[in-house]
Amino acid sequence: MTATRSATRSSARVLSPTSPPRRTGVGKAASRARFTRGRNAVERMFCRLKDYRRIATRYDKLATNFLGAIYLVAAVTWWL
């Protein structure tokens, strides 16, 4: 008797398909474009640094020497 009772309860409910509310997206495109522009600039900077073999392979053992090489390469690429 419990099986028929649960079957009648589930068939008594009427379920209508619903979709989630729409997001208007106001302001999302502008912030996404600004984020993408900044990320692109950082990626291009790393590509320019990796053009120099010493930076890409990290020949320097000490962090201070490596940072000095990065400063030197950044100054050269900015100047050219």
C-alpha atoms as a PDB file:
ATOM      1  CA  MET A   1       0.000   0.000   0.000  1.00  0.00           C
ATOM      2  CA  THR A   2       2.899   2.337   0.520  1.00  0.00           C
ATOM      3  CA  ALA A   3       4.026   1.901  -3.075  1.00  0.00           C
ATOM      4  CA  THR A   4       0.663   3.079  -4.413  1.00  0.00           C
ATOM      5  CA  ARG A   5       0.608   5.941  -1.965  1.00  0.00           C
ATOM      6  CA  SER A   6       4.012   7.254  -3.110  1.00  0.00           C
ATOM      7  CA  ALA A   7       3.062   6.764  -6.760  1.00  0.00           C
ATOM      8  CA  THR A   8      -0.100   8.836  -6.348  1.00  0.00           C
ATOM      9  CA  ARG A   9       1.800  11.589  -4.572  1.00  0.00           C
ATOM     10  CA  SER A  10       4.443  11.894  -7.309  1.00  0.00           C
ATOM     11  CA  SER A  11       1.855  11.855 -10.089  1.00  0.00           C
ATOM     12  CA  ALA A  12      -0.201  14.506  -8.289  1.00  0.00           C
ATOM     13  CA  ARG A  13       2.661  17.014  -8.551  1.00  0.00           C
ATOM     14  CA  VAL A  14       2.886  18.937 -11.758  1.00  0.00           C
ATOM     15  CA  LEU A  15       6.404  19.896 -12.608  1.00  0.00           C
ATOM     16  CA  SER A  16       6.981  22.634 -15.095  1.00  0.00           C
ATOM     17  CA  PRO A  17      10.349  23.110 -16.749  1.00  0.00           C
ATOM     18  CA  THR A  18      12.123  26.194 -15.532  1.00  0.00           C
ATOM     19  CA  SER A  19      15.358  27.800 -16.555  1.00  0.00           C
ATOM     20  CA  PRO A  20      17.672  29.825 -14.369  1.00  0.00           C
ATOM     21  CA  PRO A  21      17.202  33.577 -14.475  1.00  0.00           C
ATOM     22  CA  ARG A  22      19.193  35.391 -17.118  1.00  0.00           C
ATOM     23  CA  ARG A  23      22.206  37.376 -16.156  1.00  0.00           C
ATOM     24  CA  THR A  24      22.261  40.695 -17.842  1.00  0.00           C
ATOM     25  CA  GLY A  25      26.031  40.852 -17.899  1.00  0.00           C
ATOM     26  CA  VAL A  26      26.176  44.598 -17.511  1.00  0.00           C
ATOM     27  CA  GLY A  27      29.791  45.596 -16.999  1.00  0.00           C
ATOM     28  CA  LYS A  28      31.164  42.101 -17.536  1.00  0.00           C
ATOM     29  CA  ALA A  29      32.463  42.701 -21.050  1.00  0.00           C
ATOM     30  CA  ALA A  30      34.370  45.824 -20.041  1.00  0.00           C
ATOM     31  CA  SER A  31      36.066  44.165 -17.096  1.00  0.00           C
ATOM     32  CA  ARG A  32      36.826  41.046 -19.144  1.00  0.00           C
ATOM     33  CA  ALA A  33      38.430  43.144 -21.884  1.00  0.00           C
ATOM     34  CA  ARG A  34      40.517  45.040 -19.350  1.00  0.00           C
ATOM     35  CA  PHE A  35      41.600  41.765 -17.727  1.00  0.00           C
ATOM     36  CA  THR A  36      42.482  40.227 -21.095  1.00  0.00           C
ATOM     37  CA  ARG A  37      44.460  43.305 -22.118  1.00  0.00           C
ATOM     38  CA  GLY A  38      46.501  43.167 -18.922  1.00  0.00           C
ATOM     39  CA  ARG A  39      47.079  39.433 -19.187  1.00  0.00           C
ATOM     40  CA  ASN A  40      48.177  39.814 -22.799  1.00  0.00           C
ATOM     41  CA  ALA A  41      50.733  42.474 -21.821  1.00  0.00           C
ATOM     42  CA  VAL A  42      52.201  40.195 -19.148  1.00  0.00           C
ATOM     43  CA  GLU A  43      52.393  37.240 -21.547  1.00  0.00           C
ATOM     44  CA  ARG A  44      54.138  39.365 -24.185  1.00  0.00           C
ATOM     45  CA  MET A  45      56.637  40.552 -21.577  1.00  0.00           C
ATOM     46  CA  PHE A  46      57.506  36.969 -20.621  1.00  0.00           C
ATOM     47  CA  CYS A  47      57.897  36.036 -24.299  1.00  0.00           C
ATOM     48  CA  ARG A  48      60.353  38.899 -24.769  1.00  0.00           C
ATOM     49  CA  LEU A  49      62.302  37.827 -21.702  1.00  0.00           C
ATOM     50  CA  LYS A  50      62.462  34.239 -22.922  1.00  0.00           C
ATOM     51  CA  ASP A  51      64.033  35.386 -26.197  1.00  0.00           C
ATOM     52  CA  TYR A  52      67.240  35.696 -24.207  1.00  0.00           C
ATOM     53  CA  ARG A  53      68.726  32.278 -23.634  1.00  0.00           C
ATOM     54  CA  ARG A  54      70.273  33.167 -20.300  1.00  0.00           C
ATOM     55  CA  ILE A  55      66.852  34.045 -18.861  1.00  0.00           C
ATOM     56  CA  ALA A  56      64.986  31.131 -20.453  1.00  0.00           C
ATOM     57  CA  THR A  57      67.395  28.483 -19.173  1.00  0.00           C
ATOM     58  CA  ARG A  58      68.281  30.272 -15.917  1.00  0.00           C
ATOM     59  CA  TYR A  59      72.030  29.856 -15.979  1.00  0.00           C
ATOM     60  CA  ASP A  60      72.459  31.951 -12.844  1.00  0.00           C
ATOM     61  CA  LYS A  61      72.373  29.976  -9.635  1.00  0.00           C
ATOM     62  CA  LEU A  62      71.807  32.926  -7.304  1.00  0.00           C
ATOM     63  CA  ALA A  63      68.485  34.734  -7.290  1.00  0.00           C
ATOM     64  CA  THR A  64      70.185  38.147  -7.134  1.00  0.00           C
ATOM     65  CA  ASN A  65      72.206  37.444 -10.291  1.00  0.00           C
ATOM     66  CA  PHE A  66      69.098  36.156 -12.066  1.00  0.00           C
ATOM     67  CA  LEU A  67      67.116  39.235 -11.062  1.00  0.00           C
ATOM     68  CA  GLY A  68      69.935  41.457 -12.278  1.00  0.00           C
ATOM     69  CA  ALA A  69      69.857  39.701 -15.641  1.00  0.00           C
ATOM     70  CA  ILE A  70      66.101  40.220 -15.841  1.00  0.00           C
ATOM     71  CA  TYR A  71      66.549  43.932 -15.089  1.00  0.00           C
ATOM     72  CA  LEU A  72      69.200  44.208 -17.780  1.00  0.00           C
ATOM     73  CA  VAL A  73      67.092  42.421 -20.398  1.00  0.00           C
ATOM     74  CA  ALA A  74      64.008  44.462 -19.471  1.00  0.00           C
ATOM     75  CA  ALA A  75      65.982  47.701 -19.900  1.00  0.00           C
ATOM     76  CA  VAL A  76      67.348  46.590 -23.273  1.00  0.00           C
ATOM     77  CA  THR A  77      63.936  45.513 -24.596  1.00  0.00           C
ATOM     78  CA  TRP A  78      62.313  48.706 -23.354  1.00  0.00           C
ATOM     79  CA  TRP A  79      65.001  50.822 -24.998  1.00  0.00           C
ATOM     80  CA  LEU A  80      64.769  49.016 -28.345  1.00  0.00           C
END
